[in-house]
Every structure is written in C-alpha cells, then in structure tokens.
C-alpha cells in the first residue's frame, strides 16, 4: 500500500524513495534503491533513478550501464 502523502493525483510523486522488487535475468542491480523521476507514458509505469547504476547485458550485445529504468508500480515498494 502506498502512503497517501506520497501520491500526487493518484500517482507516485517525484522524489519518492522506492525499492525495486522485481528482478530480470538481463539486469543486474548494484542497489535496489532509487527515487521516482516521473510517471512514464505507459499506464502504471514509472521512471526510477537508481542510487547506483545497474548493468544491462543481453546475450550478444555490449554491456550497458543504466542510471534510470522503467518499472511497473507493482514492482516498487515505497520506503519513504
């Protein structure tokens, strides 16, 4: 449950501290903590700026460092 004071017009407010709950085989998190940057164009998705960049490595492609990732609200836990 998202605390009411962290909602902005029914959405997570920018700068809300969150924990990333989901994991994918291609994305390695150095830290599972970050802050909401903004709501994404897709329903229920948010852009999250991670405390430390994650690495993304899909088979046969170069490794990328990602400072921000897009996640569904169900993959986030509000921590403050």
Protein backbone atom coordinates (compact mmCIF):
# COMPACT_ATOMS: atom_id res chain seq x y z
CA UNK A 1 0.00 0.00 0.00
CA UNK A 2 1.36 3.40 -0.99
CA UNK A 3 1.18 6.03 1.77
CA UNK A 4 -1.34 8.70 0.77
CA UNK A 5 1.15 11.56 1.30
CA UNK A 6 3.42 10.06 -1.40
CA UNK A 7 0.67 10.19 -4.05
CA UNK A 8 0.26 13.06 -6.46
CA UNK A 9 -3.08 12.98 -8.31
CA UNK A 10 -3.21 9.21 -7.71
CA UNK A 11 0.40 8.68 -8.80
CA UNK A 12 3.71 8.33 -7.02
CA UNK A 13 5.20 11.78 -6.53
CA UNK A 14 8.63 12.61 -7.98
CA UNK A 15 11.50 12.08 -5.49
CA UNK A 16 9.60 9.32 -3.64
CA UNK A 17 12.14 6.76 -2.35
CA UNK A 18 11.45 3.25 -3.60
CA UNK A 19 12.89 -0.25 -3.51
CA UNK A 20 12.92 -2.32 -6.70
CA UNK A 21 11.19 -5.63 -6.03
CA UNK A 22 11.45 -7.33 -9.43
CA UNK A 23 14.49 -8.96 -10.98
CA UNK A 24 15.22 -9.82 -14.60
CA UNK A 25 17.97 -12.07 -15.97
CA UNK A 26 19.46 -9.26 -18.09
CA UNK A 27 19.51 -6.51 -15.43
CA UNK A 28 21.97 -6.64 -12.53
CA UNK A 29 21.23 -4.15 -9.76
CA UNK A 30 24.10 -2.76 -7.69
CA UNK A 31 21.49 -1.18 -5.45
CA UNK A 32 17.77 -1.92 -5.30
CA UNK A 33 17.04 1.62 -4.07
CA UNK A 34 16.16 4.73 -6.04
CA UNK A 35 13.83 7.69 -6.50
CA UNK A 36 10.84 8.26 -8.73
CA UNK A 37 11.72 10.66 -11.56
CA UNK A 38 8.31 10.78 -13.25
CA UNK A 39 5.36 8.74 -14.41
CA UNK A 40 6.02 7.04 -17.74
CA UNK A 41 3.75 7.27 -20.77
CA UNK A 42 2.62 3.67 -20.18
CA UNK A 43 -0.10 3.15 -17.57
CA UNK A 44 1.22 2.31 -14.09
CA UNK A 45 4.89 2.59 -15.12
CA UNK A 46 7.46 4.95 -13.60
CA UNK A 47 10.98 6.08 -14.41
CA UNK A 48 13.21 5.34 -11.42
CA UNK A 49 16.69 6.84 -10.95
CA UNK A 50 18.74 4.20 -9.17
CA UNK A 51 21.12 5.05 -6.32
CA UNK A 52 23.84 3.19 -8.26
CA UNK A 53 23.69 2.37 -11.98
CA UNK A 54 22.54 -1.09 -12.97
CA UNK A 55 24.18 -3.14 -15.70
CA UNK A 56 22.14 -4.49 -18.59
CA UNK A 57 23.57 -7.36 -20.59
CA UNK A 58 21.56 -9.18 -23.22
CA UNK A 59 23.22 -12.10 -24.99
CA UNK A 60 25.43 -10.98 -27.85
CA UNK A 61 25.18 -7.28 -27.05
CA UNK A 62 27.57 -4.95 -25.23
CA UNK A 63 27.02 -4.30 -21.52
CA UNK A 64 25.19 -1.04 -20.81
CA UNK A 65 25.09 0.95 -17.57
CA UNK A 66 21.66 2.32 -16.73
CA UNK A 67 21.13 5.12 -14.22
CA UNK A 68 17.35 5.08 -14.81
CA UNK A 69 14.94 2.24 -15.51
CA UNK A 70 11.21 1.94 -16.25
CA UNK A 71 9.20 -0.21 -13.83
CA UNK A 72 5.57 -1.07 -13.18
CA UNK A 73 4.22 0.27 -9.88
CA UNK A 74 3.69 -3.34 -8.73
CA UNK A 75 7.48 -3.83 -8.93
CA UNK A 76 8.14 -0.99 -6.47
CA UNK A 77 7.95 -0.66 -2.70
CA UNK A 78 7.65 2.85 -1.29
CA UNK A 79 10.17 3.25 1.53
CA UNK A 80 9.82 6.95 2.34
